[in-house]
Amino acid sequence: MNPRPILRAEGLAVFGVATAAYFWLGGPLWLFLLLALAPDLAMLGYLAGPVSGSRLYNAAHTYVGPLLLGAAGVWVTTPLAVSVALVWTAHIGVDRAVGYGLKYPSGFGDTHLSRTSVAGSVDAPPVEPEPSD
């Protein structure tokens, strides 16, 4: 069974729930739009090379950061922190839904969800592990 469709559906669900929670809590549309692509600024890490780039990108595209920020925002009653955490979570979810995953240091297109060719085609066949005897 190929897990990619499940991971993409999971990303879509995370995007939907985070976005719904953001607006249900009264988050303004302008802030959502302003922050929607902010985690992608981590791609600038690739200017220092693929290893540094993948580390910075992955740090900005895991759920740990927004979960900690959101929990801290709830703990100290800071609605802005909760709003930022929800937009950040929604961004990660939509990335997963469209096939952008955590990066390997071998290159920007090599992710846990797909390998992207030079032409930019997402969903190239996954690399199969060597059979073991």
C-alpha atoms as a PDB file:
ATOM      1  CA  MET A   1       0.000   0.000   0.000  1.00  0.00           C
ATOM      2  CA  ASN A   2       1.281   3.442  -0.925  1.00  0.00           C
ATOM      3  CA  PRO A   3       1.139   5.750   2.138  1.00  0.00           C
ATOM      4  CA  ARG A   4       1.411   8.979   0.111  1.00  0.00           C
ATOM      5  CA  PRO A   5      -2.353   9.436  -0.433  1.00  0.00           C
ATOM      6  CA  ILE A   6      -2.958   8.907   3.283  1.00  0.00           C
ATOM      7  CA  LEU A   7      -0.305  11.466   4.218  1.00  0.00           C
ATOM      8  CA  ARG A   8      -1.759  13.942   1.729  1.00  0.00           C
ATOM      9  CA  ALA A   9      -5.282  13.435   3.069  1.00  0.00           C
ATOM     10  CA  GLU A  10      -3.931  13.938   6.569  1.00  0.00           C
ATOM     11  CA  GLY A  11      -2.336  17.216   5.454  1.00  0.00           C
ATOM     12  CA  LEU A  12      -5.615  18.357   3.935  1.00  0.00           C
ATOM     13  CA  ALA A  13      -7.437  17.531   7.181  1.00  0.00           C
ATOM     14  CA  VAL A  14      -4.860  19.440   9.250  1.00  0.00           C
ATOM     15  CA  PHE A  15      -5.182  22.426   6.912  1.00  0.00           C
ATOM     16  CA  GLY A  16      -8.963  22.362   7.200  1.00  0.00           C
ATOM     17  CA  VAL A  17      -9.079  22.052  10.975  1.00  0.00           C
ATOM     18  CA  ALA A  18      -6.381  24.680  11.590  1.00  0.00           C
ATOM     19  CA  THR A  19      -8.012  27.130   9.181  1.00  0.00           C
ATOM     20  CA  ALA A  20     -11.475  26.565  10.653  1.00  0.00           C
ATOM     21  CA  ALA A  21     -10.141  27.009  14.195  1.00  0.00           C
ATOM     22  CA  TYR A  22      -8.342  30.212  13.195  1.00  0.00           C
ATOM     23  CA  PHE A  23     -11.496  31.818  11.809  1.00  0.00           C
ATOM     24  CA  TRP A  24     -13.715  30.363  14.551  1.00  0.00           C
ATOM     25  CA  LEU A  25     -11.477  32.089  17.103  1.00  0.00           C
ATOM     26  CA  GLY A  26     -11.959  35.366  15.232  1.00  0.00           C
ATOM     27  CA  GLY A  27      -8.637  35.605  13.435  1.00  0.00           C
ATOM     28  CA  PRO A  28      -8.627  38.333  10.787  1.00  0.00           C
ATOM     29  CA  LEU A  29      -8.330  37.431   7.122  1.00  0.00           C
ATOM     30  CA  TRP A  30      -5.526  39.953   6.561  1.00  0.00           C
ATOM     31  CA  LEU A  31      -3.325  38.260   9.173  1.00  0.00           C
ATOM     32  CA  PHE A  32      -4.012  34.818   7.707  1.00  0.00           C
ATOM     33  CA  LEU A  33      -3.031  36.058   4.253  1.00  0.00           C
ATOM     34  CA  LEU A  34       0.032  37.867   5.594  1.00  0.00           C
ATOM     35  CA  LEU A  35       1.345  34.800   7.419  1.00  0.00           C
ATOM     36  CA  ALA A  36       0.216  32.079   5.009  1.00  0.00           C
ATOM     37  CA  LEU A  37       3.564  31.806   3.218  1.00  0.00           C
ATOM     38  CA  ALA A  38       5.822  32.985   6.050  1.00  0.00           C
ATOM     39  CA  PRO A  39       7.225  29.503   6.818  1.00  0.00           C
ATOM     40  CA  ASP A  40       8.528  29.350   3.251  1.00  0.00           C
ATOM     41  CA  LEU A  41      11.040  32.071   4.128  1.00  0.00           C
ATOM     42  CA  ALA A  42      13.004  29.149   5.566  1.00  0.00           C
ATOM     43  CA  MET A  43      13.884  28.249   1.965  1.00  0.00           C
ATOM     44  CA  LEU A  44      16.435  31.045   2.175  1.00  0.00           C
ATOM     45  CA  GLY A  45      18.538  28.579   4.133  1.00  0.00           C
ATOM     46  CA  TYR A  46      19.302  26.897   0.815  1.00  0.00           C
ATOM     47  CA  LEU A  47      21.506  29.894   0.008  1.00  0.00           C
ATOM     48  CA  ALA A  48      23.957  28.344   2.487  1.00  0.00           C
ATOM     49  CA  GLY A  49      23.710  24.928   0.815  1.00  0.00           C
ATOM     50  CA  PRO A  50      21.391  21.921   0.764  1.00  0.00           C
ATOM     51  CA  VAL A  51      22.289  20.597   4.214  1.00  0.00           C
ATOM     52  CA  SER A  52      21.687  23.920   5.976  1.00  0.00           C
ATOM     53  CA  GLY A  53      18.688  24.595   3.781  1.00  0.00           C
ATOM     54  CA  SER A  54      17.017  21.280   4.523  1.00  0.00           C
ATOM     55  CA  ARG A  55      17.590  21.708   8.262  1.00  0.00           C
ATOM     56  CA  LEU A  56      16.087  25.189   8.368  1.00  0.00           C
ATOM     57  CA  TYR A  57      13.221  24.271   6.047  1.00  0.00           C
ATOM     58  CA  ASN A  58      12.394  21.166   8.092  1.00  0.00           C
ATOM     59  CA  ALA A  59      12.508  23.127  11.342  1.00  0.00           C
ATOM     60  CA  ALA A  60       9.910  25.517   9.929  1.00  0.00           C
ATOM     61  CA  HIS A  61       7.792  22.719   8.436  1.00  0.00           C
ATOM     62  CA  THR A  62       7.280  20.328  11.328  1.00  0.00           C
ATOM     63  CA  TYR A  63       4.332  20.528  13.665  1.00  0.00           C
ATOM     64  CA  VAL A  64       6.544  20.896  16.762  1.00  0.00           C
ATOM     65  CA  GLY A  65       7.020  24.662  16.403  1.00  0.00           C
ATOM     66  CA  PRO A  66       3.376  25.628  15.966  1.00  0.00           C
ATOM     67  CA  LEU A  67       2.285  23.205  18.689  1.00  0.00           C
ATOM     68  CA  LEU A  68       4.712  24.753  21.178  1.00  0.00           C
ATOM     69  CA  LEU A  69       3.758  28.280  20.131  1.00  0.00           C
ATOM     70  CA  GLY A  70       0.050  27.505  20.325  1.00  0.00           C
ATOM     71  CA  ALA A  71       0.384  25.852  23.727  1.00  0.00           C
ATOM     72  CA  ALA A  72       2.370  28.814  25.037  1.00  0.00           C
ATOM     73  CA  GLY A  73      -0.243  31.179  23.629  1.00  0.00           C
ATOM     74  CA  VAL A  74      -3.024  29.317  25.417  1.00  0.00           C
ATOM     75  CA  TRP A  75      -0.973  29.063  28.630  1.00  0.00           C
ATOM     76  CA  VAL A  76      -0.260  32.793  28.860  1.00  0.00           C
ATOM     77  CA  THR A  77      -3.485  33.862  27.152  1.00  0.00           C
ATOM     78  CA  THR A  78      -1.911  35.430  24.065  1.00  0.00           C
ATOM     79  CA  PRO A  79      -4.408  35.171  21.209  1.00  0.00           C
ATOM     80  CA  LEU A  80      -1.876  36.425  18.638  1.00  0.00           C
ATOM     81  CA  ALA A  81       0.443  33.484  19.402  1.00  0.00           C
ATOM     82  CA  VAL A  82      -2.458  31.055  18.991  1.00  0.00           C
ATOM     83  CA  SER A  83      -3.423  32.704  15.690  1.00  0.00           C
ATOM     84  CA  VAL A  84       0.137  32.524  14.353  1.00  0.00           C
ATOM     85  CA  ALA A  85       0.374  28.881  15.426  1.00  0.00           C
ATOM     86  CA  LEU A  86      -2.863  28.022  13.612  1.00  0.00           C
ATOM     87  CA  VAL A  87      -1.784  29.737  10.383  1.00  0.00           C
ATOM     88  CA  TRP A  88       1.608  28.021  10.627  1.00  0.00           C
ATOM     89  CA  THR A  89      -0.122  24.655  11.127  1.00  0.00           C
ATOM     90  CA  ALA A  90      -2.440  25.319   8.190  1.00  0.00           C
ATOM     91  CA  HIS A  91       0.575  26.119   6.001  1.00  0.00           C
ATOM     92  CA  ILE A  92       2.261  22.840   6.882  1.00  0.00           C
ATOM     93  CA  GLY A  93      -0.972  20.959   6.254  1.00  0.00           C
ATOM     94  CA  VAL A  94      -1.496  22.420   2.788  1.00  0.00           C
ATOM     95  CA  ASP A  95       2.145  21.746   1.924  1.00  0.00           C
ATOM     96  CA  ARG A  96       1.656  18.087   2.821  1.00  0.00           C
ATOM     97  CA  ALA A  97      -1.634  17.945   0.921  1.00  0.00           C
ATOM     98  CA  VAL A  98      -0.008  19.092  -2.318  1.00  0.00           C
ATOM     99  CA  GLY A  99       2.996  16.827  -1.873  1.00  0.00           C
ATOM    100  CA  TYR A 100       5.668  19.046  -0.376  1.00  0.00           C
ATOM    101  CA  GLY A 101       7.314  17.176   2.428  1.00  0.00           C
ATOM    102  CA  LEU A 102      10.265  17.387   4.729  1.00  0.00           C
ATOM    103  CA  LYS A 103      13.491  17.790   2.793  1.00  0.00           C
ATOM    104  CA  TYR A 104      16.445  15.464   2.536  1.00  0.00           C
ATOM    105  CA  PRO A 105      19.879  17.124   2.373  1.00  0.00           C
ATOM    106  CA  SER A 106      20.394  15.648  -1.109  1.00  0.00           C
ATOM    107  CA  GLY A 107      18.312  18.434  -2.643  1.00  0.00           C
ATOM    108  CA  PHE A 108      15.191  20.552  -2.336  1.00  0.00           C
ATOM    109  CA  GLY A 109      13.109  18.178  -4.449  1.00  0.00           C
ATOM    110  CA  ASP A 110      13.858  15.098  -2.367  1.00  0.00           C
ATOM    111  CA  THR A 111      11.180  14.886   0.306  1.00  0.00           C
ATOM    112  CA  HIS A 112       9.540  12.302   2.509  1.00  0.00           C
ATOM    113  CA  LEU A 113       6.488  12.483   0.238  1.00  0.00           C
ATOM    114  CA  SER A 114       7.995  12.577  -3.223  1.00  0.00           C
ATOM    115  CA  ARG A 115      11.018  13.149  -5.351  1.00  0.00           C
ATOM    116  CA  THR A 116      10.805  16.104  -7.691  1.00  0.00           C
ATOM    117  CA  SER A 117      12.618  15.966 -10.991  1.00  0.00           C
ATOM    118  CA  VAL A 118      14.583  18.912 -12.337  1.00  0.00           C
ATOM    119  CA  ALA A 119      11.557  19.808 -14.456  1.00  0.00           C
ATOM    120  CA  GLY A 120       9.518  20.162 -11.259  1.00  0.00           C
ATOM    121  CA  SER A 121       7.240  17.156 -11.678  1.00  0.00           C
ATOM    122  CA  VAL A 122       5.998  16.126  -8.261  1.00  0.00           C
ATOM    123  CA  ASP A 123       5.295  12.461  -7.527  1.00  0.00           C
ATOM    124  CA  ALA A 124       8.161  10.878  -9.342  1.00  0.00           C
ATOM    125  CA  PRO A 125       8.303   7.200  -8.427  1.00  0.00           C
ATOM    126  CA  PRO A 126       9.756   6.646  -4.971  1.00  0.00           C
ATOM    127  CA  VAL A 127      13.138   5.083  -4.620  1.00  0.00           C
ATOM    128  CA  GLU A 128      12.577   1.453  -3.695  1.00  0.00           C
ATOM    129  CA  PRO A 129      14.808  -0.046  -1.000  1.00  0.00           C
ATOM    130  CA  GLU A 130      17.242  -2.747  -2.010  1.00  0.00           C
ATOM    131  CA  PRO A 131      15.809  -6.223  -1.411  1.00  0.00           C
ATOM    132  CA  SER A 132      17.409  -8.005   1.508  1.00  0.00           C
ATOM    133  CA  ASP A 133      18.260 -11.666   1.423  1.00  0.00           C
END
